[in-house]
N, C-alpha and C. Protein backbone atom coordinates (compact mmCIF):
# COMPACT_ATOMS: atom_id res chain seq x y z
N MET A 1 1.44 -1.71 1.29
CA MET A 1 1.11 -2.25 3.05
C MET A 1 0.40 -3.18 3.52
N GLN A 2 0.05 -3.93 4.48
CA GLN A 2 -0.62 -4.93 5.02
C GLN A 2 -0.49 -5.27 6.22
N VAL A 3 -0.88 -5.59 7.05
CA VAL A 3 -0.66 -6.08 8.69
C VAL A 3 -0.06 -7.06 8.78
N GLY A 4 0.97 -6.57 9.59
CA GLY A 4 2.16 -7.54 10.42
C GLY A 4 3.68 -7.11 9.32
N ASP A 5 3.30 -5.90 8.64
CA ASP A 5 4.05 -5.66 7.92
C ASP A 5 5.45 -4.74 9.42
N LEU A 6 6.75 -4.54 9.30
CA LEU A 6 7.06 -3.69 9.84
C LEU A 6 7.24 -2.27 9.00
N VAL A 7 7.26 -1.33 9.73
CA VAL A 7 7.13 0.21 9.33
C VAL A 7 7.92 1.16 10.14
N LYS A 8 8.04 2.34 9.32
CA LYS A 8 8.66 3.62 10.12
C LYS A 8 8.00 4.65 9.38
N TRP A 9 8.31 5.92 10.25
CA TRP A 9 7.90 7.28 9.56
C TRP A 9 8.68 7.31 8.17
N THR A 10 8.08 7.87 7.63
CA THR A 10 9.02 8.41 6.36
C THR A 10 9.67 9.35 6.59
N TRP A 11 10.82 9.90 6.29
CA TRP A 11 11.76 10.56 6.04
C TRP A 11 10.92 12.31 5.86
N LEU A 12 9.66 12.47 5.51
CA LEU A 12 9.40 13.68 5.39
C LEU A 12 8.23 13.67 6.78
N GLU A 13 7.71 12.76 7.02
CA GLU A 13 7.35 12.26 8.39
C GLU A 13 7.80 13.27 9.51
N GLU A 14 9.17 12.33 9.76
CA GLU A 14 10.05 12.88 10.80
C GLU A 14 10.38 14.53 10.70
N SER A 15 10.95 14.75 9.80
CA SER A 15 11.40 16.11 9.21
C SER A 15 10.03 16.95 10.11
N TYR A 16 9.01 17.30 9.40
CA TYR A 16 7.70 17.84 9.51
C TYR A 16 7.75 17.83 10.80
N HIS A 17 7.60 16.37 12.02
CA HIS A 17 7.62 16.56 13.45
C HIS A 17 8.96 17.47 13.74
N ILE A 18 10.24 17.01 13.39
CA ILE A 18 10.88 18.20 14.31
C ILE A 18 10.71 19.65 14.35
N ALA A 19 10.52 20.04 12.77
CA ALA A 19 9.84 21.67 12.42
C ALA A 19 8.56 22.06 13.29
N CYS A 20 7.85 21.11 13.14
CA CYS A 20 6.40 21.59 13.35
C CYS A 20 5.77 21.18 15.03
N GLY A 21 6.66 20.31 15.77
CA GLY A 21 6.32 19.00 16.31
C GLY A 21 5.85 20.24 17.64
N PRO A 22 5.56 19.11 18.94
CA PRO A 22 5.65 20.79 20.29
C PRO A 22 6.97 20.71 20.57
N LEU A 23 7.42 21.53 20.90
CA LEU A 23 8.73 21.47 21.87
C LEU A 23 9.05 20.98 22.71
N GLY A 24 10.22 20.36 23.10
CA GLY A 24 10.61 19.46 24.19
C GLY A 24 10.29 17.84 23.59
N LEU A 25 9.39 17.59 23.15
CA LEU A 25 8.90 16.47 22.49
C LEU A 25 9.42 15.76 21.16
N ASN A 26 10.57 14.78 21.29
CA ASN A 26 10.87 14.42 20.21
C ASN A 26 10.70 13.04 19.83
N LEU A 27 9.35 12.64 18.76
CA LEU A 27 8.95 11.34 19.07
C LEU A 27 9.90 10.92 17.52
N THR A 28 11.14 11.01 17.06
CA THR A 28 11.47 10.07 15.67
C THR A 28 12.12 9.17 15.93
N ASP A 29 13.13 9.03 17.50
CA ASP A 29 13.42 7.85 17.59
C ASP A 29 12.54 7.00 18.01
N ALA A 30 11.67 7.00 18.60
CA ALA A 30 10.43 6.23 18.84
C ALA A 30 9.26 5.57 17.84
N ARG A 31 9.57 6.45 16.61
CA ARG A 31 8.62 6.16 15.36
C ARG A 31 9.97 5.35 13.95
N LYS A 32 11.11 5.09 14.39
CA LYS A 32 11.47 4.18 13.97
C LYS A 32 11.50 2.85 13.93
N ARG A 33 10.51 2.12 14.58
CA ARG A 33 9.97 0.45 14.55
C ARG A 33 8.86 0.61 14.85
N GLY A 34 7.51 0.37 13.68
CA GLY A 34 6.08 0.04 14.59
C GLY A 34 5.83 -1.35 13.66
N ILE A 35 4.31 -2.26 14.02
CA ILE A 35 3.85 -2.80 13.47
C ILE A 35 2.15 -2.69 13.12
N ILE A 36 2.07 -2.86 12.13
CA ILE A 36 0.79 -2.80 11.60
C ILE A 36 -0.05 -3.74 12.03
N VAL A 37 -1.33 -3.03 12.90
CA VAL A 37 -1.91 -4.67 13.43
C VAL A 37 -3.14 -4.54 13.07
N ASP A 38 -3.57 -3.54 12.28
CA ASP A 38 -5.29 -2.94 11.97
C ASP A 38 -5.27 -1.93 10.46
N ASN A 39 -6.25 -2.62 9.80
CA ASN A 39 -6.12 -1.47 8.41
C ASN A 39 -7.72 -1.61 8.51
N ASN A 40 -8.24 0.30 8.06
CA ASN A 40 -9.52 0.34 7.92
C ASN A 40 -9.76 0.81 6.36
N GLY A 41 -8.91 0.33 5.27
CA GLY A 41 -9.27 1.23 4.51
C GLY A 41 -8.49 2.71 3.77
N TYR A 42 -8.14 3.11 5.20
CA TYR A 42 -8.24 4.66 5.06
C TYR A 42 -6.73 4.66 5.84
N ASN A 43 -6.56 4.55 6.90
CA ASN A 43 -5.78 4.49 7.69
C ASN A 43 -5.01 3.28 8.23
N PHE A 44 -4.01 3.13 8.63
CA PHE A 44 -3.32 1.97 9.34
C PHE A 44 -3.15 2.20 10.75
N PHE A 45 -3.42 1.37 11.98
CA PHE A 45 -3.51 1.40 12.68
C PHE A 45 -1.86 0.77 12.88
N VAL A 46 -1.10 1.30 13.90
CA VAL A 46 0.56 1.40 13.92
C VAL A 46 0.73 0.37 15.41
N ARG A 47 1.38 -0.01 16.23
CA ARG A 47 2.21 -0.47 17.72
C ARG A 47 2.85 0.31 17.62
N TRP A 48 3.69 1.43 17.82
CA TRP A 48 5.19 1.79 17.65
C TRP A 48 5.83 1.02 18.91
N GLU A 49 7.06 0.85 18.69
CA GLU A 49 8.18 -0.03 19.78
C GLU A 49 7.87 0.74 20.97
N ASN A 50 8.12 1.82 20.95
CA ASN A 50 7.39 2.88 22.60
C ASN A 50 6.06 2.10 23.06
N GLY A 51 5.38 1.35 22.55
CA GLY A 51 3.82 1.23 23.13
C GLY A 51 2.62 1.81 22.68
N ASP A 52 3.18 3.02 21.73
CA ASP A 52 2.22 4.31 21.67
C ASP A 52 1.35 3.09 20.37
N PHE A 53 0.16 3.72 20.29
CA PHE A 53 -0.83 3.04 19.16
C PHE A 53 -1.80 4.01 18.45
N ARG A 54 -1.17 4.41 17.29
CA ARG A 54 -1.75 5.35 16.59
C ARG A 54 -2.20 4.43 15.28
N ALA A 55 -3.15 5.56 14.57
CA ALA A 55 -3.39 5.81 13.39
C ALA A 55 -2.42 6.70 12.96
N GLN A 56 -2.30 5.96 11.18
CA GLN A 56 -1.63 6.39 10.29
C GLN A 56 -1.57 6.42 8.45
N ARG A 57 -1.48 7.32 8.27
CA ARG A 57 -2.06 7.66 6.72
C ARG A 57 -0.69 6.80 6.01
N PRO A 58 -1.35 5.90 4.87
CA PRO A 58 0.00 5.68 4.08
C PRO A 58 0.69 6.38 3.93
N ASN A 59 0.65 7.54 3.51
CA ASN A 59 2.11 8.58 2.87
C ASN A 59 2.99 8.96 4.59
N THR A 60 2.43 8.22 5.76
CA THR A 60 3.27 9.00 6.73
C THR A 60 3.82 7.98 7.25
N ILE A 61 4.06 6.89 6.53
CA ILE A 61 4.87 5.72 6.94
C ILE A 61 5.82 4.84 5.62
N GLU A 62 6.65 3.97 5.94
CA GLU A 62 7.17 3.17 4.67
C GLU A 62 7.34 1.89 5.36
N VAL A 63 6.78 0.84 4.40
CA VAL A 63 7.77 -0.72 5.33
C VAL A 63 9.06 -0.69 5.15
N ILE A 64 9.42 -1.21 6.01
CA ILE A 64 10.79 -1.77 6.64
C ILE A 64 11.13 -3.47 5.84
N SER A 65 9.90 -4.04 6.49
CA SER A 65 9.85 -5.56 6.10
C SER A 65 8.86 -6.02 6.38
N GLU A 66 8.26 -6.61 5.17
CA GLU A 66 7.09 -7.26 4.77
C GLU A 66 6.92 -8.42 5.33
N SER A 67 5.32 -8.73 5.94
CA SER A 67 5.03 -10.12 6.78
C SER A 67 4.79 -11.06 5.69
N ARG A 68 4.91 -12.51 5.59
CA ARG A 68 4.74 -13.18 5.24
C ARG A 68 3.58 -13.89 5.13
């Protein structure tokens, strides 16, 4: 994974959020697509399609499309 890649939550992260996330707040649709905008060597910083900017661990996201 690198800056510019299009990513989404892994199925495990989606499942965890549905099972253990806050009631009434479903972010799984908002986490279908996001772009990696920075990387500090430990976390990837992702701008999600709903405008959220979040730090994500590499094991919580997967690449949909790689940047050139």
